[in-house]
């Protein structure tokens, strides 16, 4: 199954520590990471939690998928591998003149 979880629709004020603490209710959290915008330094509203076992990951999905976080219904499911990015060449189409 997999023990790395995608957690979406989070409040923008949640931290890595808050996320890990919440998910530790379902077992041992190996890592918890909120994804931040490089330019603004603000949360993008999603992150990843890695649990120590598949059983704990499933328990976290059952517990938190659809649960409210500051009025927002969280999305929690097994993280999918990142799809390979298309080669954008020089800066994503912003070529030099």
N, C-alpha and C. Protein backbone atom coordinates (compact mmCIF):
# COMPACT_ATOMS: atom_id res chain seq x y z
N UNK A 1 0.83 -1.19 0.00
CA UNK A 1 0.00 0.00 0.00
C UNK A 1 0.87 1.25 0.00
N UNK A 2 1.64 1.49 0.98
CA UNK A 2 2.47 2.68 1.08
C UNK A 2 2.17 3.41 2.37
N UNK A 3 3.20 4.00 2.94
CA UNK A 3 2.99 4.68 4.20
C UNK A 3 3.24 6.18 4.10
N UNK A 4 3.42 6.70 2.88
CA UNK A 4 3.56 8.14 2.70
C UNK A 4 2.21 8.69 2.25
N UNK A 5 1.74 9.70 2.97
CA UNK A 5 0.41 10.24 2.73
C UNK A 5 0.47 11.66 2.18
N UNK A 6 -0.42 11.95 1.24
CA UNK A 6 -0.65 13.31 0.77
C UNK A 6 -1.74 13.88 1.66
N UNK A 7 -1.53 15.09 2.17
CA UNK A 7 -2.53 15.75 3.00
C UNK A 7 -2.82 17.10 2.36
N UNK A 8 -4.04 17.27 1.87
CA UNK A 8 -4.40 18.50 1.16
C UNK A 8 -5.50 19.28 1.84
N UNK A 9 -5.72 20.48 1.33
CA UNK A 9 -6.73 21.41 1.81
C UNK A 9 -6.50 21.80 3.27
N UNK A 10 -5.23 22.04 3.60
CA UNK A 10 -4.86 22.44 4.96
C UNK A 10 -4.96 23.96 5.11
N UNK A 11 -5.12 24.40 6.34
CA UNK A 11 -5.08 25.84 6.57
C UNK A 11 -3.65 26.33 6.31
N UNK A 12 -3.54 27.57 5.91
CA UNK A 12 -2.23 28.11 5.55
C UNK A 12 -1.36 28.40 6.77
N UNK A 13 -1.93 28.29 7.96
CA UNK A 13 -1.16 28.58 9.18
C UNK A 13 -0.55 27.33 9.82
N UNK A 14 -0.87 26.15 9.31
CA UNK A 14 -0.35 24.91 9.92
C UNK A 14 1.15 24.78 9.65
N UNK A 15 1.85 24.21 10.62
CA UNK A 15 3.30 24.01 10.50
C UNK A 15 3.61 22.52 10.40
N UNK A 16 4.86 22.20 10.05
CA UNK A 16 5.31 20.82 10.02
C UNK A 16 5.04 20.15 11.37
N UNK A 17 5.37 20.86 12.43
CA UNK A 17 5.21 20.33 13.79
C UNK A 17 3.75 20.05 14.10
N UNK A 18 2.85 21.00 13.77
CA UNK A 18 1.41 20.80 14.01
C UNK A 18 0.90 19.57 13.27
N UNK A 19 1.32 19.43 12.03
CA UNK A 19 0.88 18.32 11.19
C UNK A 19 1.35 16.99 11.77
N UNK A 20 2.62 16.91 12.14
CA UNK A 20 3.17 15.70 12.73
C UNK A 20 2.51 15.35 14.05
N UNK A 21 2.27 16.36 14.88
CA UNK A 21 1.62 16.12 16.17
C UNK A 21 0.21 15.56 15.98
N UNK A 22 -0.54 16.11 15.03
CA UNK A 22 -1.90 15.64 14.79
C UNK A 22 -1.90 14.18 14.32
N UNK A 23 -1.04 13.85 13.38
CA UNK A 23 -1.02 12.50 12.82
C UNK A 23 -0.41 11.48 13.77
N UNK A 24 0.34 11.93 14.79
CA UNK A 24 0.92 10.99 15.75
C UNK A 24 -0.17 10.31 16.58
N UNK A 25 -1.37 10.83 16.53
CA UNK A 25 -2.52 10.21 17.19
C UNK A 25 -2.78 8.80 16.60
N UNK A 26 -2.35 8.59 15.36
CA UNK A 26 -2.60 7.31 14.66
C UNK A 26 -1.38 6.40 14.64
N UNK A 27 -0.26 6.83 15.20
CA UNK A 27 0.94 6.00 15.21
C UNK A 27 2.19 6.86 15.14
N UNK A 28 3.29 6.22 14.80
CA UNK A 28 4.58 6.91 14.73
C UNK A 28 4.73 7.65 13.41
N UNK A 29 4.96 8.95 13.51
CA UNK A 29 5.18 9.79 12.32
C UNK A 29 6.68 9.83 12.05
N UNK A 30 7.07 9.35 10.88
CA UNK A 30 8.48 9.35 10.48
C UNK A 30 8.88 10.75 10.01
N UNK A 31 7.99 11.41 9.26
CA UNK A 31 8.25 12.77 8.81
C UNK A 31 6.94 13.46 8.48
N UNK A 32 6.95 14.78 8.61
CA UNK A 32 5.79 15.61 8.26
C UNK A 32 6.33 16.89 7.64
N UNK A 33 5.85 17.21 6.45
CA UNK A 33 6.39 18.37 5.72
C UNK A 33 5.28 19.12 5.01
N UNK A 34 5.15 20.40 5.33
CA UNK A 34 4.23 21.30 4.63
C UNK A 34 5.01 21.85 3.44
N UNK A 35 4.40 21.89 2.28
CA UNK A 35 5.05 22.41 1.08
C UNK A 35 4.87 23.93 1.05
N UNK A 36 5.98 24.62 0.89
CA UNK A 36 5.98 26.09 0.93
C UNK A 36 6.24 26.66 -0.46
N UNK A 37 5.66 27.81 -0.73
CA UNK A 37 5.89 28.53 -1.98
C UNK A 37 7.27 29.16 -1.91
N UNK A 38 8.09 28.93 -2.91
CA UNK A 38 9.47 29.46 -2.90
C UNK A 38 9.53 30.97 -2.92
N UNK A 39 8.62 31.60 -3.63
CA UNK A 39 8.67 33.05 -3.78
C UNK A 39 8.11 33.80 -2.58
N UNK A 40 7.00 33.30 -2.02
CA UNK A 40 6.35 34.03 -0.92
C UNK A 40 6.72 33.50 0.45
N UNK A 41 7.18 32.23 0.51
CA UNK A 41 7.49 31.63 1.80
C UNK A 41 6.25 31.18 2.56
N UNK A 42 5.08 31.26 1.94
CA UNK A 42 3.82 30.83 2.56
C UNK A 42 3.51 29.39 2.19
N UNK A 43 2.70 28.76 3.03
CA UNK A 43 2.26 27.40 2.78
C UNK A 43 1.43 27.35 1.50
N UNK A 44 1.55 26.24 0.77
CA UNK A 44 0.72 26.03 -0.42
C UNK A 44 -0.58 25.32 -0.05
N UNK A 45 -0.76 24.97 1.22
CA UNK A 45 -2.00 24.35 1.67
C UNK A 45 -2.02 22.84 1.57
N UNK A 46 -0.85 22.24 1.35
CA UNK A 46 -0.77 20.78 1.34
C UNK A 46 0.59 20.34 1.84
N UNK A 47 0.67 19.06 2.16
CA UNK A 47 1.93 18.52 2.65
C UNK A 47 1.94 17.01 2.58
N UNK A 48 2.95 16.42 3.19
CA UNK A 48 3.12 14.98 3.18
C UNK A 48 3.47 14.51 4.58
N UNK A 49 2.89 13.38 4.95
CA UNK A 49 3.18 12.75 6.24
C UNK A 49 3.60 11.32 5.95
N UNK A 50 4.69 10.90 6.56
CA UNK A 50 5.12 9.51 6.41
C UNK A 50 4.95 8.82 7.76
N UNK A 51 4.17 7.75 7.74
CA UNK A 51 3.93 6.96 8.94
C UNK A 51 4.90 5.77 8.95
N UNK A 52 5.11 5.15 10.11
CA UNK A 52 6.09 4.08 10.20
C UNK A 52 5.60 2.75 9.63
N UNK A 53 4.29 2.60 9.40
CA UNK A 53 3.79 1.36 8.81
C UNK A 53 2.56 1.62 7.95
N UNK A 54 2.25 0.67 7.08
CA UNK A 54 1.06 0.77 6.24
C UNK A 54 -0.21 0.79 7.09
N UNK A 55 -0.22 0.02 8.17
CA UNK A 55 -1.38 -0.04 9.05
C UNK A 55 -1.65 1.32 9.68
N UNK A 56 -0.60 1.99 10.14
CA UNK A 56 -0.76 3.33 10.73
C UNK A 56 -1.19 4.33 9.67
N UNK A 57 -0.67 4.19 8.46
CA UNK A 57 -1.07 5.09 7.37
C UNK A 57 -2.56 4.94 7.07
N UNK A 58 -3.04 3.70 7.03
CA UNK A 58 -4.46 3.47 6.78
C UNK A 58 -5.31 4.03 7.91
N UNK A 59 -4.84 3.89 9.14
CA UNK A 59 -5.56 4.45 10.29
C UNK A 59 -5.64 5.98 10.19
N UNK A 60 -4.56 6.61 9.72
CA UNK A 60 -4.55 8.07 9.56
C UNK A 60 -5.51 8.51 8.47
N UNK A 61 -5.58 7.75 7.38
CA UNK A 61 -6.52 8.08 6.30
C UNK A 61 -7.94 8.00 6.84
N UNK A 62 -8.24 6.92 7.55
CA UNK A 62 -9.58 6.74 8.12
C UNK A 62 -9.93 7.88 9.08
N UNK A 63 -8.97 8.26 9.90
CA UNK A 63 -9.20 9.29 10.92
C UNK A 63 -9.30 10.70 10.34
N UNK A 64 -8.43 11.05 9.39
CA UNK A 64 -8.32 12.45 8.98
C UNK A 64 -8.94 12.81 7.63
N UNK A 65 -9.20 11.85 6.74
CA UNK A 65 -9.80 12.20 5.45
C UNK A 65 -11.21 12.75 5.69
N UNK A 66 -11.43 13.99 5.30
CA UNK A 66 -12.71 14.65 5.50
C UNK A 66 -12.84 15.38 6.82
N UNK A 67 -11.86 15.19 7.73
CA UNK A 67 -11.90 15.89 9.02
C UNK A 67 -11.62 17.38 8.79
N UNK A 68 -12.14 18.21 9.68
CA UNK A 68 -11.99 19.65 9.52
C UNK A 68 -10.72 20.17 10.18
N UNK A 69 -10.06 21.06 9.47
CA UNK A 69 -8.89 21.79 9.97
C UNK A 69 -9.19 23.27 9.73
N UNK A 70 -9.51 23.99 10.78
CA UNK A 70 -9.87 25.41 10.68
C UNK A 70 -10.96 25.64 9.63
N UNK A 71 -12.00 24.81 9.66
CA UNK A 71 -13.12 24.97 8.75
C UNK A 71 -12.92 24.41 7.36
N UNK A 72 -11.81 23.72 7.13
CA UNK A 72 -11.52 23.14 5.81
C UNK A 72 -11.48 21.62 5.94
N UNK A 73 -12.19 20.93 5.05
CA UNK A 73 -12.20 19.46 5.06
C UNK A 73 -10.92 18.94 4.42
N UNK A 74 -10.10 18.26 5.22
CA UNK A 74 -8.82 17.75 4.73
C UNK A 74 -9.01 16.60 3.75
N UNK A 75 -8.08 16.50 2.82
CA UNK A 75 -7.98 15.38 1.91
C UNK A 75 -6.74 14.59 2.34
N UNK A 76 -6.92 13.31 2.61
CA UNK A 76 -5.79 12.47 3.00
C UNK A 76 -5.86 11.18 2.20
N UNK A 77 -4.79 10.90 1.45
CA UNK A 77 -4.72 9.64 0.72
C UNK A 77 -3.25 9.26 0.50
N UNK A 78 -3.04 8.07 -0.04
CA UNK A 78 -1.69 7.59 -0.30
C UNK A 78 -1.03 8.51 -1.33
N UNK A 79 0.18 8.95 -1.04
CA UNK A 79 0.91 9.83 -1.96
C UNK A 79 1.31 9.04 -3.20
N UNK A 80 1.13 9.65 -4.34
CA UNK A 80 1.53 9.04 -5.60
C UNK A 80 2.92 9.56 -5.96
N UNK A 81 3.72 8.75 -6.65
CA UNK A 81 5.03 9.24 -7.07
C UNK A 81 4.88 10.46 -7.97
N UNK A 82 5.81 11.37 -7.84
CA UNK A 82 5.76 12.58 -8.65
C UNK A 82 5.97 12.21 -10.13
N UNK A 83 5.11 12.71 -10.98
CA UNK A 83 5.22 12.46 -12.42
C UNK A 83 6.43 13.19 -12.96
N UNK A 84 7.12 12.60 -13.92
CA UNK A 84 8.28 13.29 -14.50
C UNK A 84 7.84 14.59 -15.15
N UNK A 85 8.62 15.61 -14.95
CA UNK A 85 8.31 16.91 -15.53
C UNK A 85 8.75 16.97 -16.97
N UNK A 86 7.99 17.70 -17.74
CA UNK A 86 8.35 17.92 -19.14
C UNK A 86 9.57 18.83 -19.16
N UNK A 87 10.52 18.54 -20.03
CA UNK A 87 11.70 19.39 -20.13
C UNK A 87 11.27 20.74 -20.69
N UNK A 88 11.37 21.73 -19.85
CA UNK A 88 10.91 23.06 -20.24
C UNK A 88 12.00 23.90 -20.88
N UNK A 89 13.17 23.34 -20.96
CA UNK A 89 14.24 24.09 -21.60
C UNK A 89 14.76 25.21 -20.72
N UNK A 90 14.86 26.39 -21.26
CA UNK A 90 15.48 27.51 -20.57
C UNK A 90 14.45 28.30 -19.75
N UNK A 91 14.28 27.93 -18.48
CA UNK A 91 13.44 28.72 -17.58
C UNK A 91 11.96 28.67 -17.86
N UNK A 92 11.44 27.56 -18.34
CA UNK A 92 10.01 27.42 -18.53
C UNK A 92 9.45 28.30 -19.63
N UNK A 93 10.21 28.48 -20.70
CA UNK A 93 9.69 29.26 -21.81
C UNK A 93 10.06 30.73 -21.77
N UNK A 94 10.78 31.10 -20.75
CA UNK A 94 11.20 32.50 -20.65
C UNK A 94 12.62 32.64 -21.17
N UNK A 95 12.78 32.42 -22.45
CA UNK A 95 14.10 32.42 -23.07
C UNK A 95 14.76 33.79 -23.01
N UNK A 96 16.03 33.77 -23.20
CA UNK A 96 16.79 35.04 -23.19
C UNK A 96 16.70 35.70 -24.56
N UNK A 97 16.71 36.98 -24.55
CA UNK A 97 16.64 37.76 -25.79
C UNK A 97 17.96 38.39 -26.09
